[in-house]
Amino acid sequence: TSLNKNGRAGFVMPNSASDARNSEYDI
């Protein structure tokens, strides 16, 4: 949500976030 209409982002996340279930899945 911090990106403007032409924006790009790169960031680090734990592997678990790539497959997280429940409400994280919906997001």
mmCIF file of all heavy atoms, coordinates in Angstrom:
data_MODEL
# 
_entry.id   MODEL 
# 
loop_
_atom_site.group_PDB 
_atom_site.id 
_atom_site.type_symbol 
_atom_site.label_atom_id 
_atom_site.label_alt_id 
_atom_site.label_comp_id 
_atom_site.label_asym_id 
_atom_site.label_entity_id 
_atom_site.label_seq_id 
_atom_site.pdbx_PDB_ins_code 
_atom_site.Cartn_x 
_atom_site.Cartn_y 
_atom_site.Cartn_z 
_atom_site.occupancy 
_atom_site.B_iso_or_equiv 
_atom_site.pdbx_formal_charge 
_atom_site.auth_seq_id 
_atom_site.auth_comp_id 
_atom_site.auth_asym_id 
_atom_site.auth_atom_id 
_atom_site.pdbx_PDB_model_num 
ATOM 1   N N   . THR A 1 1  ? 0.811  -1.230  0.000   1.00 0.00 ? 1  THR A N   1 
ATOM 2   C CA  . THR A 1 1  ? 0.000  0.000   0.000   1.00 0.00 ? 1  THR A CA  1 
ATOM 3   C C   . THR A 1 1  ? 0.837  1.269   0.000   1.00 0.00 ? 1  THR A C   1 
ATOM 4   O O   . THR A 1 1  ? 0.321  2.353   -0.262  1.00 0.00 ? 1  THR A O   1 
ATOM 5   C CB  . THR A 1 1  ? -0.939 0.027   1.224   1.00 0.00 ? 1  THR A CB  1 
ATOM 6   O OG1 . THR A 1 1  ? -0.152 -0.077  2.431   1.00 0.00 ? 1  THR A OG1 1 
ATOM 7   C CG2 . THR A 1 1  ? -1.936 -1.126  1.169   1.00 0.00 ? 1  THR A CG2 1 
ATOM 8   N N   . SER A 1 2  ? 2.131  1.142   0.278   1.00 0.00 ? 2  SER A N   1 
ATOM 9   C CA  . SER A 1 2  ? 2.997  2.332   0.276   1.00 0.00 ? 2  SER A CA  1 
ATOM 10  C C   . SER A 1 2  ? 3.461  2.700   -1.128  1.00 0.00 ? 2  SER A C   1 
ATOM 11  O O   . SER A 1 2  ? 3.998  3.784   -1.342  1.00 0.00 ? 2  SER A O   1 
ATOM 12  C CB  . SER A 1 2  ? 4.222  2.091   1.169   1.00 0.00 ? 2  SER A CB  1 
ATOM 13  O OG  . SER A 1 2  ? 3.831  1.930   2.515   1.00 0.00 ? 2  SER A OG  1 
ATOM 14  N N   . LEU A 1 3  ? 3.257  1.797   -2.098  1.00 0.00 ? 3  LEU A N   1 
ATOM 15  C CA  . LEU A 1 3  ? 3.699  2.048   -3.477  1.00 0.00 ? 3  LEU A CA  1 
ATOM 16  C C   . LEU A 1 3  ? 2.706  2.921   -4.232  1.00 0.00 ? 3  LEU A C   1 
ATOM 17  O O   . LEU A 1 3  ? 1.487  2.780   -4.080  1.00 0.00 ? 3  LEU A O   1 
ATOM 18  C CB  . LEU A 1 3  ? 3.856  0.723   -4.223  1.00 0.00 ? 3  LEU A CB  1 
ATOM 19  C CG  . LEU A 1 3  ? 4.977  -0.219  -3.756  1.00 0.00 ? 3  LEU A CG  1 
ATOM 20  C CD1 . LEU A 1 3  ? 4.882  -1.547  -4.493  1.00 0.00 ? 3  LEU A CD1 1 
ATOM 21  C CD2 . LEU A 1 3  ? 6.350  0.414   -3.959  1.00 0.00 ? 3  LEU A CD2 1 
ATOM 22  N N   . ASN A 1 4  ? 3.256  3.800   -5.069  1.00 0.00 ? 4  ASN A N   1 
ATOM 23  C CA  . ASN A 1 4  ? 2.387  4.546   -5.977  1.00 0.00 ? 4  ASN A CA  1 
ATOM 24  C C   . ASN A 1 4  ? 2.058  3.686   -7.197  1.00 0.00 ? 4  ASN A C   1 
ATOM 25  O O   . ASN A 1 4  ? 2.465  2.520   -7.270  1.00 0.00 ? 4  ASN A O   1 
ATOM 26  C CB  . ASN A 1 4  ? 3.012  5.891   -6.370  1.00 0.00 ? 4  ASN A CB  1 
ATOM 27  C CG  . ASN A 1 4  ? 4.354  5.727   -7.095  1.00 0.00 ? 4  ASN A CG  1 
ATOM 28  O OD1 . ASN A 1 4  ? 4.589  4.729   -7.772  1.00 0.00 ? 4  ASN A OD1 1 
ATOM 29  N ND2 . ASN A 1 4  ? 5.223  6.714   -6.944  1.00 0.00 ? 4  ASN A ND2 1 
ATOM 30  N N   . LYS A 1 5  ? 1.370  4.227   -8.174  1.00 0.00 ? 5  LYS A N   1 
ATOM 31  C CA  . LYS A 1 5  ? 0.857  3.409   -9.285  1.00 0.00 ? 5  LYS A CA  1 
ATOM 32  C C   . LYS A 1 5  ? 1.952  2.800   -10.150 1.00 0.00 ? 5  LYS A C   1 
ATOM 33  O O   . LYS A 1 5  ? 1.704  1.842   -10.896 1.00 0.00 ? 5  LYS A O   1 
ATOM 34  C CB  . LYS A 1 5  ? -0.084 4.242   -10.152 1.00 0.00 ? 5  LYS A CB  1 
ATOM 35  C CG  . LYS A 1 5  ? 0.587  5.430   -10.839 1.00 0.00 ? 5  LYS A CG  1 
ATOM 36  C CD  . LYS A 1 5  ? -0.410 6.205   -11.682 1.00 0.00 ? 5  LYS A CD  1 
ATOM 37  C CE  . LYS A 1 5  ? 0.280  7.381   -12.390 1.00 0.00 ? 5  LYS A CE  1 
ATOM 38  N NZ  . LYS A 1 5  ? -0.666 8.136   -13.229 1.00 0.00 ? 5  LYS A NZ  1 
ATOM 39  N N   . ASN A 1 6  ? 3.175  3.337   -10.075 1.00 0.00 ? 6  ASN A N   1 
ATOM 40  C CA  . ASN A 1 6  ? 4.291  2.791   -10.856 1.00 0.00 ? 6  ASN A CA  1 
ATOM 41  C C   . ASN A 1 6  ? 5.357  2.129   -9.970  1.00 0.00 ? 6  ASN A C   1 
ATOM 42  O O   . ASN A 1 6  ? 6.446  1.821   -10.437 1.00 0.00 ? 6  ASN A O   1 
ATOM 43  C CB  . ASN A 1 6  ? 4.960  3.903   -11.671 1.00 0.00 ? 6  ASN A CB  1 
ATOM 44  C CG  . ASN A 1 6  ? 4.012  4.516   -12.679 1.00 0.00 ? 6  ASN A CG  1 
ATOM 45  O OD1 . ASN A 1 6  ? 3.279  3.812   -13.363 1.00 0.00 ? 6  ASN A OD1 1 
ATOM 46  N ND2 . ASN A 1 6  ? 3.992  5.840   -12.749 1.00 0.00 ? 6  ASN A ND2 1 
ATOM 47  N N   . GLY A 1 7  ? 5.039  1.930   -8.699  1.00 0.00 ? 7  GLY A N   1 
ATOM 48  C CA  . GLY A 1 7  ? 6.054  1.540   -7.728  1.00 0.00 ? 7  GLY A CA  1 
ATOM 49  C C   . GLY A 1 7  ? 6.512  0.083   -7.805  1.00 0.00 ? 7  GLY A C   1 
ATOM 50  O O   . GLY A 1 7  ? 5.810  -0.797  -8.303  1.00 0.00 ? 7  GLY A O   1 
ATOM 51  N N   . ARG A 1 8  ? 7.711  -0.127  -7.265  1.00 0.00 ? 8  ARG A N   1 
ATOM 52  C CA  . ARG A 1 8  ? 8.283  -1.467  -7.121  1.00 0.00 ? 8  ARG A CA  1 
ATOM 53  C C   . ARG A 1 8  ? 8.736  -1.673  -5.679  1.00 0.00 ? 8  ARG A C   1 
ATOM 54  O O   . ARG A 1 8  ? 9.210  -0.733  -5.036  1.00 0.00 ? 8  ARG A O   1 
ATOM 55  C CB  . ARG A 1 8  ? 9.500  -1.651  -8.034  1.00 0.00 ? 8  ARG A CB  1 
ATOM 56  C CG  . ARG A 1 8  ? 9.171  -1.963  -9.484  1.00 0.00 ? 8  ARG A CG  1 
ATOM 57  C CD  . ARG A 1 8  ? 10.462 -2.151  -10.281 1.00 0.00 ? 8  ARG A CD  1 
ATOM 58  N NE  . ARG A 1 8  ? 10.205 -2.590  -11.644 1.00 0.00 ? 8  ARG A NE  1 
ATOM 59  C CZ  . ARG A 1 8  ? 11.151 -2.801  -12.558 1.00 0.00 ? 8  ARG A CZ  1 
ATOM 60  N NH1 . ARG A 1 8  ? 12.430 -2.603  -12.226 1.00 0.00 ? 8  ARG A NH1 1 
ATOM 61  N NH2 . ARG A 1 8  ? 10.844 -3.210  -13.763 1.00 0.00 ? 8  ARG A NH2 1 
ATOM 62  N N   . ALA A 1 9  ? 8.629  -2.907  -5.201  1.00 0.00 ? 9  ALA A N   1 
ATOM 63  C CA  . ALA A 1 9  ? 9.078  -3.226  -3.847  1.00 0.00 ? 9  ALA A CA  1 
ATOM 64  C C   . ALA A 1 9  ? 9.883  -4.521  -3.852  1.00 0.00 ? 9  ALA A C   1 
ATOM 65  O O   . ALA A 1 9  ? 9.621  -5.427  -4.647  1.00 0.00 ? 9  ALA A O   1 
ATOM 66  C CB  . ALA A 1 9  ? 7.883  -3.372  -2.903  1.00 0.00 ? 9  ALA A CB  1 
ATOM 67  N N   . GLY A 1 10 ? 10.865 -4.587  -2.958  1.00 0.00 ? 10 GLY A N   1 
ATOM 68  C CA  . GLY A 1 10 ? 11.622 -5.811  -2.719  1.00 0.00 ? 10 GLY A CA  1 
ATOM 69  C C   . GLY A 1 10 ? 11.872 -5.932  -1.232  1.00 0.00 ? 10 GLY A C   1 
ATOM 70  O O   . GLY A 1 10 ? 12.335 -4.974  -0.606  1.00 0.00 ? 10 GLY A O   1 
ATOM 71  N N   . PHE A 1 11 ? 11.545 -7.084  -0.653  1.00 0.00 ? 11 PHE A N   1 
ATOM 72  C CA  . PHE A 1 11 ? 11.675 -7.216  0.803   1.00 0.00 ? 11 PHE A CA  1 
ATOM 73  C C   . PHE A 1 11 ? 11.878 -8.674  1.200   1.00 0.00 ? 11 PHE A C   1 
ATOM 74  O O   . PHE A 1 11 ? 11.663 -9.594  0.403   1.00 0.00 ? 11 PHE A O   1 
ATOM 75  C CB  . PHE A 1 11 ? 10.444 -6.634  1.508   1.00 0.00 ? 11 PHE A CB  1 
ATOM 76  C CG  . PHE A 1 11 ? 9.120  -7.198  1.046   1.00 0.00 ? 11 PHE A CG  1 
ATOM 77  C CD1 . PHE A 1 11 ? 8.562  -8.314  1.658   1.00 0.00 ? 11 PHE A CD1 1 
ATOM 78  C CD2 . PHE A 1 11 ? 8.432  -6.611  -0.008  1.00 0.00 ? 11 PHE A CD2 1 
ATOM 79  C CE1 . PHE A 1 11 ? 7.350  -8.838  1.230   1.00 0.00 ? 11 PHE A CE1 1 
ATOM 80  C CE2 . PHE A 1 11 ? 7.217  -7.125  -0.445  1.00 0.00 ? 11 PHE A CE2 1 
ATOM 81  C CZ  . PHE A 1 11 ? 6.672  -8.241  0.177   1.00 0.00 ? 11 PHE A CZ  1 
ATOM 82  N N   . VAL A 1 12 ? 12.290 -8.857  2.446   1.00 0.00 ? 12 VAL A N   1 
ATOM 83  C CA  . VAL A 1 12 ? 12.601 -10.178 2.980   1.00 0.00 ? 12 VAL A CA  1 
ATOM 84  C C   . VAL A 1 12 ? 11.453 -10.652 3.862   1.00 0.00 ? 12 VAL A C   1 
ATOM 85  O O   . VAL A 1 12 ? 10.904 -9.884  4.647   1.00 0.00 ? 12 VAL A O   1 
ATOM 86  C CB  . VAL A 1 12 ? 13.892 -10.147 3.828   1.00 0.00 ? 12 VAL A CB  1 
ATOM 87  C CG1 . VAL A 1 12 ? 14.332 -11.568 4.183   1.00 0.00 ? 12 VAL A CG1 1 
ATOM 88  C CG2 . VAL A 1 12 ? 15.013 -9.415  3.098   1.00 0.00 ? 12 VAL A CG2 1 
ATOM 89  N N   . MET A 1 13 ? 11.108 -11.942 3.718   1.00 0.00 ? 13 MET A N   1 
ATOM 90  C CA  . MET A 1 13 ? 10.094 -12.564 4.566   1.00 0.00 ? 13 MET A CA  1 
ATOM 91  C C   . MET A 1 13 ? 10.536 -13.993 4.906   1.00 0.00 ? 13 MET A C   1 
ATOM 92  O O   . MET A 1 13 ? 11.272 -14.619 4.128   1.00 0.00 ? 13 MET A O   1 
ATOM 93  C CB  . MET A 1 13 ? 8.747  -12.645 3.829   1.00 0.00 ? 13 MET A CB  1 
ATOM 94  C CG  . MET A 1 13 ? 7.900  -11.405 3.945   1.00 0.00 ? 13 MET A CG  1 
ATOM 95  S SD  . MET A 1 13 ? 7.173  -11.246 5.600   1.00 0.00 ? 13 MET A SD  1 
ATOM 96  C CE  . MET A 1 13 ? 7.549  -9.548  5.965   1.00 0.00 ? 13 MET A CE  1 
ATOM 97  N N   . PRO A 1 14 ? 10.087 -14.526 6.056   1.00 0.00 ? 14 PRO A N   1 
ATOM 98  C CA  . PRO A 1 14 ? 10.388 -15.934 6.336   1.00 0.00 ? 14 PRO A CA  1 
ATOM 99  C C   . PRO A 1 14 ? 9.667  -16.826 5.334   1.00 0.00 ? 14 PRO A C   1 
ATOM 100 O O   . PRO A 1 14 ? 8.607  -16.455 4.809   1.00 0.00 ? 14 PRO A O   1 
ATOM 101 C CB  . PRO A 1 14 ? 9.848  -16.141 7.751   1.00 0.00 ? 14 PRO A CB  1 
ATOM 102 C CG  . PRO A 1 14 ? 8.790  -15.104 7.914   1.00 0.00 ? 14 PRO A CG  1 
ATOM 103 C CD  . PRO A 1 14 ? 9.255  -13.925 7.113   1.00 0.00 ? 14 PRO A CD  1 
ATOM 104 N N   . ASN A 1 15 ? 10.223 -17.997 5.057   1.00 0.00 ? 15 ASN A N   1 
ATOM 105 C CA  . ASN A 1 15 ? 9.603  -18.913 4.097   1.00 0.00 ? 15 ASN A CA  1 
ATOM 106 C C   . ASN A 1 15 ? 8.156  -19.238 4.458   1.00 0.00 ? 15 ASN A C   1 
ATOM 107 O O   . ASN A 1 15 ? 7.314  -19.439 3.577   1.00 0.00 ? 15 ASN A O   1 
ATOM 108 C CB  . ASN A 1 15 ? 10.402 -20.222 4.032   1.00 0.00 ? 15 ASN A CB  1 
ATOM 109 C CG  . ASN A 1 15 ? 11.597 -20.116 3.092   1.00 0.00 ? 15 ASN A CG  1 
ATOM 110 O OD1 . ASN A 1 15 ? 11.870 -19.047 2.560   1.00 0.00 ? 15 ASN A OD1 1 
ATOM 111 N ND2 . ASN A 1 15 ? 12.300 -21.213 2.900   1.00 0.00 ? 15 ASN A ND2 1 
ATOM 112 N N   . SER A 1 16 ? 7.883  -19.290 5.742   1.00 0.00 ? 16 SER A N   1 
ATOM 113 C CA  . SER A 1 16 ? 6.541  -19.680 6.191   1.00 0.00 ? 16 SER A CA  1 
ATOM 114 C C   . SER A 1 16 ? 5.458  -18.746 5.657   1.00 0.00 ? 16 SER A C   1 
ATOM 115 O O   . SER A 1 16 ? 4.308  -19.165 5.470   1.00 0.00 ? 16 SER A O   1 
ATOM 116 C CB  . SER A 1 16 ? 6.495  -19.708 7.722   1.00 0.00 ? 16 SER A CB  1 
ATOM 117 O OG  . SER A 1 16 ? 6.853  -18.433 8.252   1.00 0.00 ? 16 SER A OG  1 
ATOM 118 N N   . ALA A 1 17 ? 5.813  -17.497 5.380   1.00 0.00 ? 17 ALA A N   1 
ATOM 119 C CA  . ALA A 1 17 ? 4.819  -16.533 4.890   1.00 0.00 ? 17 ALA A CA  1 
ATOM 120 C C   . ALA A 1 17 ? 4.319  -16.888 3.496   1.00 0.00 ? 17 ALA A C   1 
ATOM 121 O O   . ALA A 1 17 ? 3.197  -16.526 3.113   1.00 0.00 ? 17 ALA A O   1 
ATOM 122 C CB  . ALA A 1 17 ? 5.411  -15.124 4.894   1.00 0.00 ? 17 ALA A CB  1 
ATOM 123 N N   . SER A 1 18 ? 5.126  -17.607 2.727   1.00 0.00 ? 18 SER A N   1 
ATOM 124 C CA  . SER A 1 18 ? 4.753  -17.936 1.343   1.00 0.00 ? 18 SER A CA  1 
ATOM 125 C C   . SER A 1 18 ? 3.599  -18.916 1.265   1.00 0.00 ? 18 SER A C   1 
ATOM 126 O O   . SER A 1 18 ? 2.904  -18.999 0.250   1.00 0.00 ? 18 SER A O   1 
ATOM 127 C CB  . SER A 1 18 ? 5.957  -18.529 0.598   1.00 0.00 ? 18 SER A CB  1 
ATOM 128 O OG  . SER A 1 18 ? 7.059  -17.663 0.661   1.00 0.00 ? 18 SER A OG  1 
ATOM 129 N N   . ASP A 1 19 ? 3.371  -19.682 2.351   1.00 0.00 ? 19 ASP A N   1 
ATOM 130 C CA  . ASP A 1 19 ? 2.327  -20.707 2.370   1.00 0.00 ? 19 ASP A CA  1 
ATOM 131 C C   . ASP A 1 19 ? 1.366  -20.551 3.548   1.00 0.00 ? 19 ASP A C   1 
ATOM 132 O O   . ASP A 1 19 ? 0.576  -21.449 3.814   1.00 0.00 ? 19 ASP A O   1 
ATOM 133 C CB  . ASP A 1 19 ? 2.963  -22.103 2.454   1.00 0.00 ? 19 ASP A CB  1 
ATOM 134 C CG  . ASP A 1 19 ? 3.412  -22.617 1.100   1.00 0.00 ? 19 ASP A CG  1 
ATOM 135 O OD1 . ASP A 1 19 ? 2.686  -22.389 0.124   1.00 0.00 ? 19 ASP A OD1 1 
ATOM 136 O OD2 . ASP A 1 19 ? 4.486  -23.225 1.021   1.00 0.00 ? 19 ASP A OD2 1 
ATOM 137 N N   . ALA A 1 20 ? 1.481  -19.439 4.284   1.00 0.00 ? 20 ALA A N   1 
ATOM 138 C CA  . ALA A 1 20 ? 0.673  -19.272 5.501   1.00 0.00 ? 20 ALA A CA  1 
ATOM 139 C C   . ALA A 1 20 ? -0.819 -19.432 5.186   1.00 0.00 ? 20 ALA A C   1 
ATOM 140 O O   . ALA A 1 20 ? -1.303 -19.010 4.143   1.00 0.00 ? 20 ALA A O   1 
ATOM 141 C CB  . ALA A 1 20 ? 0.952  -17.903 6.111   1.00 0.00 ? 20 ALA A CB  1 
ATOM 142 N N   . ARG A 1 21 ? -1.544 -20.033 6.136   1.00 0.00 ? 21 ARG A N   1 
ATOM 143 C CA  . ARG A 1 21 ? -2.970 -20.308 5.911   1.00 0.00 ? 21 ARG A CA  1 
ATOM 144 C C   . ARG A 1 21 ? -3.845 -19.309 6.674   1.00 0.00 ? 21 ARG A C   1 
ATOM 145 O O   . ARG A 1 21 ? -3.387 -18.251 7.101   1.00 0.00 ? 21 ARG A O   1 
ATOM 146 C CB  . ARG A 1 21 ? -3.297 -21.746 6.343   1.00 0.00 ? 21 ARG A CB  1 
ATOM 147 C CG  . ARG A 1 21 ? -2.420 -22.821 5.713   1.00 0.00 ? 21 ARG A CG  1 
ATOM 148 C CD  . ARG A 1 21 ? -2.433 -22.769 4.193   1.00 0.00 ? 21 ARG A CD  1 
ATOM 149 N NE  . ARG A 1 21 ? -3.724 -23.084 3.623   1.00 0.00 ? 21 ARG A NE  1 
ATOM 150 C CZ  . ARG A 1 21 ? -4.021 -22.969 2.332   1.00 0.00 ? 21 ARG A CZ  1 
ATOM 151 N NH1 . ARG A 1 21 ? -3.100 -22.542 1.477   1.00 0.00 ? 21 ARG A NH1 1 
ATOM 152 N NH2 . ARG A 1 21 ? -5.236 -23.274 1.890   1.00 0.00 ? 21 ARG A NH2 1 
ATOM 153 N N   . ASN A 1 22 ? -5.130 -19.679 6.847   1.00 0.00 ? 22 ASN A N   1 
ATOM 154 C CA  . ASN A 1 22 ? -6.110 -18.887 7.596   1.00 0.00 ? 22 ASN A CA  1 
ATOM 155 C C   . ASN A 1 22 ? -6.237 -17.466 7.021   1.00 0.00 ? 22 ASN A C   1 
ATOM 156 O O   . ASN A 1 22 ? -6.278 -17.295 5.810   1.00 0.00 ? 22 ASN A O   1 
ATOM 157 C CB  . ASN A 1 22 ? -5.750 -18.871 9.082   1.00 0.00 ? 22 ASN A CB  1 
ATOM 158 C CG  . ASN A 1 22 ? -5.683 -20.286 9.647   1.00 0.00 ? 22 ASN A CG  1 
ATOM 159 O OD1 . ASN A 1 22 ? -6.545 -21.112 9.328   1.00 0.00 ? 22 ASN A OD1 1 
ATOM 160 N ND2 . ASN A 1 22 ? -4.677 -20.578 10.446  1.00 0.00 ? 22 ASN A ND2 1 
ATOM 161 N N   . SER A 1 23 ? -6.248 -16.453 7.864   1.00 0.00 ? 23 SER A N   1 
ATOM 162 C CA  . SER A 1 23 ? -6.450 -15.079 7.377   1.00 0.00 ? 23 SER A CA  1 
ATOM 163 C C   . SER A 1 23 ? -5.284 -14.615 6.513   1.00 0.00 ? 23 SER A C   1 
ATOM 164 O O   . SER A 1 23 ? -5.463 -13.790 5.607   1.00 0.00 ? 23 SER A O   1 
ATOM 165 C CB  . SER A 1 23 ? -6.660 -14.115 8.549   1.00 0.00 ? 23 SER A CB  1 
ATOM 166 O OG  . SER A 1 23 ? -5.558 -14.164 9.435   1.00 0.00 ? 23 SER A OG  1 
ATOM 167 N N   . GLU A 1 24 ? -4.070 -15.143 6.789   1.00 0.00 ? 24 GLU A N   1 
ATOM 168 C CA  . GLU A 1 24 ? -2.907 -14.792 5.956   1.00 0.00 ? 24 GLU A CA  1 
ATOM 169 C C   . GLU A 1 24 ? -3.102 -15.269 4.511   1.00 0.00 ? 24 GLU A C   1 
ATOM 170 O O   . GLU A 1 24 ? -2.717 -14.584 3.557   1.00 0.00 ? 24 GLU A O   1 
ATOM 171 C CB  . GLU A 1 24 ? -1.625 -15.399 6.535   1.00 0.00 ? 24 GLU A CB  1 
ATOM 172 C CG  . GLU A 1 24 ? -1.095 -14.700 7.777   1.00 0.00 ? 24 GLU A CG  1 
ATOM 173 C CD  . GLU A 1 24 ? -1.664 -15.288 9.063   1.00 0.00 ? 24 GLU A CD  1 
ATOM 174 O OE1 . GLU A 1 24 ? -2.648 -16.056 8.985   1.00 0.00 ? 24 GLU A OE1 1 
ATOM 175 O OE2 . GLU A 1 24 ? -1.122 -14.977 10.139  1.00 0.00 ? 24 GLU A OE2 1 
ATOM 176 N N   . TYR A 1 25 ? -3.737 -16.430 4.354   1.00 0.00 ? 25 TYR A N   1 
ATOM 177 C CA  . TYR A 1 25 ? -4.048 -16.944 3.014   1.00 0.00 ? 25 TYR A CA  1 
ATOM 178 C C   . TYR A 1 25 ? -4.955 -15.964 2.274   1.00 0.00 ? 25 TYR A C   1 
ATOM 179 O O   . TYR A 1 25 ? -4.751 -15.672 1.085   1.00 0.00 ? 25 TYR A O   1 
ATOM 180 C CB  . TYR A 1 25 ? -4.710 -18.317 3.122   1.00 0.00 ? 25 TYR A CB  1 
ATOM 181 C CG  . TYR A 1 25 ? -5.356 -18.798 1.837   1.00 0.00 ? 25 TYR A CG  1 
ATOM 182 C CD1 . TYR A 1 25 ? -4.614 -19.474 0.876   1.00 0.00 ? 25 TYR A CD1 1 
ATOM 183 C CD2 . TYR A 1 25 ? -6.712 -18.559 1.584   1.00 0.00 ? 25 TYR A CD2 1 
ATOM 184 C CE1 . TYR A 1 25 ? -5.205 -19.911 -0.308  1.00 0.00 ? 25 TYR A CE1 1 
ATOM 185 C CE2 . TYR A 1 25 ? -7.312 -18.982 0.413   1.00 0.00 ? 25 TYR A CE2 1 
ATOM 186 C CZ  . TYR A 1 25 ? -6.549 -19.657 -0.533  1.00 0.00 ? 25 TYR A CZ  1 
ATOM 187 O OH  . TYR A 1 25 ? -7.136 -20.075 -1.708  1.00 0.00 ? 25 TYR A OH  1 
ATOM 188 N N   . ASP A 1 26 ? -5.965 -15.463 2.963   1.00 0.00 ? 26 ASP A N   1 
ATOM 189 C CA  . ASP A 1 26 ? -6.906 -14.524 2.328   1.00 0.00 ? 26 ASP A CA  1 
ATOM 190 C C   . ASP A 1 26 ? -6.199 -13.250 1.869   1.00 0.00 ? 26 ASP A C   1 
ATOM 191 O O   . ASP A 1 26 ? -6.477 -12.727 0.783   1.00 0.00 ? 26 ASP A O   1 
ATOM 192 C CB  . ASP A 1 26 ? -8.030 -14.167 3.305   1.00 0.00 ? 26 ASP A CB  1 
ATOM 193 C CG  . ASP A 1 26 ? -8.881 -15.381 3.687   1.00 0.00 ? 26 ASP A CG  1 
ATOM 194 O OD1 . ASP A 1 26 ? -8.985 -16.299 2.851   1.00 0.00 ? 26 ASP A OD1 1 
ATOM 195 O OD2 . ASP A 1 26 ? -9.407 -15.405 4.816   1.00 0.00 ? 26 ASP A OD2 1 
ATOM 196 N N   . ILE A 1 27 ? -5.273 -12.756 2.705   1.00 0.00 ? 27 ILE A N   1 
ATOM 197 C CA  . ILE A 1 27 ? -4.524 -11.542 2.340   1.00 0.00 ? 27 ILE A CA  1 
ATOM 198 C C   . ILE A 1 27 ? -3.649 -11.828 1.122   1.00 0.00 ? 27 ILE A C   1 
ATOM 199 O O   . ILE A 1 27 ? -3.603 -11.034 0.167   1.00 0.00 ? 27 ILE A O   1 
ATOM 200 C CB  . ILE A 1 27 ? -3.659 -11.059 3.522   1.00 0.00 ? 27 ILE A CB  1 
ATOM 201 C CG1 . ILE A 1 27 ? -4.538 -10.705 4.723   1.00 0.00 ? 27 ILE A CG1 1 
ATOM 202 C CG2 . ILE A 1 27 ? -2.828 -9.837  3.110   1.00 0.00 ? 27 ILE A CG2 1 
ATOM 203 C CD1 . ILE A 1 27 ? -3.753 -10.476 6.007   1.00 0.00 ? 27 ILE A CD1 1 
# 
